[in-house]
Protein backbone atom coordinates (compact mmCIF):
# COMPACT_ATOMS: atom_id res chain seq x y z
CA MET A 1 -49.12 15.99 33.14
CA LYS A 2 -47.80 12.74 31.91
CA THR A 3 -44.02 11.56 33.06
CA LEU A 4 -41.44 10.42 30.01
CA THR A 5 -39.58 7.03 30.98
CA PRO A 6 -36.38 6.69 29.72
CA PRO A 7 -35.50 4.21 26.74
CA PRO A 8 -34.70 0.78 27.57
CA SER A 9 -30.74 -0.03 27.85
CA TRP A 10 -30.90 -1.95 25.01
CA CYS A 11 -32.52 1.15 22.84
CA ILE A 12 -29.46 3.36 23.98
CA ASN A 13 -26.99 0.72 23.14
CA ASN A 14 -28.34 0.04 20.11
CA THR A 15 -28.50 3.70 18.99
CA CYS A 16 -25.15 4.24 20.14
CA THR A 17 -24.01 1.32 17.93
CA LEU A 18 -25.75 2.29 15.00
CA VAL A 19 -24.17 5.88 15.49
CA GLN A 20 -20.90 4.22 15.40
CA ASN A 21 -21.51 1.97 12.48
CA ILE A 22 -22.74 5.53 10.59
CA GLN A 23 -19.73 7.17 11.31
CA SER A 24 -17.49 4.20 10.43
CA LEU A 25 -19.00 3.99 7.02
CA LYS A 26 -18.64 7.42 6.26
CA GLN A 27 -15.08 7.26 7.29
CA ILE A 28 -14.58 4.42 4.93
CA GLN A 29 -16.50 6.02 1.88
CA SER A 30 -14.55 9.16 2.56
CA ARG A 31 -11.39 7.09 2.55
CA THR A 32 -12.32 5.37 -0.88
CA TRP A 33 -13.21 8.45 -2.01
CA GLU A 34 -9.76 9.49 -1.54
CA MET A 35 -8.19 6.36 -3.08
CA VAL A 36 -10.14 6.91 -6.41
CA ALA A 37 -7.31 9.17 -8.12
CA PHE A 38 -5.02 6.10 -7.40
CA CYS A 39 -7.07 3.30 -8.27
CA ALA A 40 -5.76 2.86 -12.33
CA SER A 41 -3.19 0.85 -13.96
CA TRP A 42 0.11 3.24 -14.35
CA LYS A 43 3.04 2.37 -16.67
CA LEU A 44 6.50 3.98 -15.98
CA VAL A 45 7.62 6.51 -18.57
CA GLY A 46 10.42 8.38 -16.60
CA SER A 47 12.72 8.25 -13.71
CA GLU A 48 15.43 10.39 -12.08
CA ASN A 49 18.30 9.57 -9.64
CA PHE A 50 16.63 5.96 -9.73
CA HIS A 51 20.14 4.10 -10.17
CA GLU A 52 21.14 6.05 -6.90
CA TYR A 53 18.26 5.00 -4.76
CA LEU A 54 18.52 1.41 -5.85
CA THR A 55 22.19 1.54 -4.50
CA ALA A 56 21.13 3.17 -1.40
CA VAL A 57 18.54 0.20 -0.77
CA GLY A 58 21.59 -1.69 -1.05
CA LEU A 59 21.04 -3.69 -4.17
CA ASP A 60 24.23 -5.21 -6.00
CA GLU A 61 25.24 -3.59 -9.36
CA GLU A 62 23.77 -6.20 -11.69
CA MET A 63 20.37 -5.48 -9.56
CA VAL A 64 20.65 -2.04 -10.28
CA GLN A 65 21.33 -2.21 -14.14
CA VAL A 66 18.38 -4.55 -14.08
CA GLY A 67 16.40 -2.26 -12.04
CA ASN A 68 16.97 0.79 -14.46
CA VAL A 69 15.81 -0.91 -17.44
CA LEU A 70 12.73 -2.36 -16.34
CA LYS A 71 9.29 -0.59 -17.25
CA PRO A 72 6.99 -2.04 -14.55
CA LYS A 73 3.35 -1.61 -14.61
CA VAL A 74 1.61 -0.83 -11.39
CA THR A 75 -2.04 -1.36 -10.76
CA ILE A 76 -3.87 -0.08 -7.88
CA SER A 77 -6.82 -0.78 -6.45
CA GLN A 78 -8.86 -1.00 -3.41
CA GLU A 79 -10.49 -4.36 -2.31
CA GLY A 80 -12.78 -3.38 0.76
CA ASP A 81 -11.17 -1.55 3.62
CA LYS A 82 -7.83 -2.86 1.73
CA VAL A 83 -5.54 -0.75 -0.84
CA VAL A 84 -3.80 -3.18 -3.26
CA LEU A 85 -1.00 -2.46 -5.19
CA LYS A 86 0.49 -5.03 -7.90
CA THR A 87 3.70 -4.35 -9.62
CA VAL A 88 4.69 -6.35 -13.02
CA THR A 89 7.75 -6.02 -15.03
CA SER A 90 8.90 -8.35 -17.61
CA VAL A 91 11.04 -10.39 -15.09
CA SER A 92 8.83 -10.86 -12.11
CA SER A 93 5.62 -9.65 -10.38
CA LYS A 94 4.79 -8.55 -6.59
CA GLU A 95 1.52 -7.74 -4.95
CA ILE A 96 1.16 -5.94 -1.37
CA SER A 97 -1.92 -5.41 0.32
CA GLY A 98 -2.73 -3.68 3.68
CA LYS A 99 -5.54 -1.72 5.56
CA LEU A 100 -4.41 2.08 5.28
CA ASP A 101 -2.87 3.17 8.72
CA GLU A 102 -2.16 -0.53 9.90
CA GLU A 103 1.16 -2.34 9.77
CA PHE A 104 1.96 -5.64 7.79
CA ASP A 105 4.49 -7.72 6.75
CA ASP A 106 5.76 -7.20 3.44
CA THR A 107 8.37 -9.03 0.83
CA THR A 108 9.99 -6.40 -1.67
CA LEU A 109 10.86 -7.52 -5.59
CA ASP A 110 14.51 -8.01 -4.35
CA GLU A 111 13.37 -10.33 -1.25
CA ARG A 112 13.98 -7.99 1.57
CA ILE A 113 11.56 -8.69 4.46
CA CYS A 114 9.94 -5.39 5.79
CA LYS A 115 7.46 -4.08 8.29
CA SER A 116 5.42 -1.53 5.74
CA VAL A 117 2.28 0.76 6.20
CA LEU A 118 0.26 2.62 3.54
CA TYR A 119 -1.80 5.48 4.35
CA LEU A 120 -3.01 8.93 3.14
CA ASP A 121 -1.53 12.30 3.47
CA GLY A 122 -3.91 14.81 1.88
CA ASP A 123 -3.90 13.82 -1.64
CA LYS A 124 -0.93 11.81 -1.34
CA LEU A 125 -0.81 7.77 -1.12
CA VAL A 126 2.44 7.10 0.97
CA TYR A 127 4.03 3.85 1.39
CA VAL A 128 6.80 3.28 4.33
CA GLN A 129 8.91 0.41 4.32
CA LYS A 130 11.21 -0.59 7.44
CA TRP A 131 13.72 -3.41 7.59
CA ASP A 132 17.15 -3.60 9.30
CA ASP A 133 18.18 0.15 10.60
CA LYS A 134 16.98 1.55 6.98
CA GLN A 135 13.17 3.11 6.42
CA SER A 136 12.31 3.69 2.56
CA THR A 137 8.95 5.80 1.90
CA ALA A 138 7.30 6.12 -1.36
CA THR A 139 5.00 9.14 -1.90
CA ARG A 140 2.41 8.94 -4.64
CA GLU A 141 0.23 11.76 -6.04
CA VAL A 142 -1.80 12.07 -8.93
CA LYS A 143 -1.68 14.89 -11.49
CA GLY A 144 -3.85 14.73 -14.41
CA ASP A 145 -3.28 11.47 -16.19
CA GLN A 146 0.37 11.08 -14.32
CA MET A 147 1.26 9.68 -11.18
CA ILE A 148 4.43 10.97 -9.66
CA THR A 149 6.36 8.94 -6.98
CA THR A 150 8.83 10.29 -5.21
CA LEU A 151 11.29 7.20 -3.52
CA GLU A 152 13.36 8.64 -0.47
CA LEU A 153 16.00 6.74 1.75
CA ASN A 154 18.49 8.16 3.81
CA GLY A 155 18.44 11.37 1.73
CA VAL A 156 18.55 9.86 -1.54
CA VAL A 157 15.67 10.83 -3.49
CA ALA A 158 14.63 9.63 -6.71
CA VAL A 159 11.70 10.35 -8.89
CA LEU A 160 9.27 8.03 -10.95
CA THR A 161 7.13 9.26 -13.53
CA TYR A 162 3.96 7.26 -14.50
CA GLU A 163 1.25 7.31 -16.61
CA ARG A 164 -2.42 6.19 -16.89
CA VAL A 165 -2.75 2.88 -19.06
């Protein structure tokens, strides 16, 4: 009867590394697939309670008025393991980029410095910003050719409706 010798340790370690790499790749592919619905350009077509939300953020009345008339175009894409959100208005543009589930430094359109995180919650893309003693949450959900964004800050809720461009 022949005795089997165990594989060398480098083989076992390489096998583990290969399995870990495959699992990591599957997770990235899964996350990419979940992001597909969001990856497009979107134009704002409607808003509810946005004035109140901007006031809760702490913007002065002039900036709130400007914010109410702007019709931003938002482009969401995925570059490698990062999610990129680019917002363009007639007045300014802003791009944020971050890995899902990892906190990153962020500066808003009105120049607030924040700690932010992007993550997927089922079929929703959630963007949380924290600054001073405040926290704002933007939850995006795609329904057909529309993206509904629900903004929440200290109990004030606004809903923005975008259409795919």
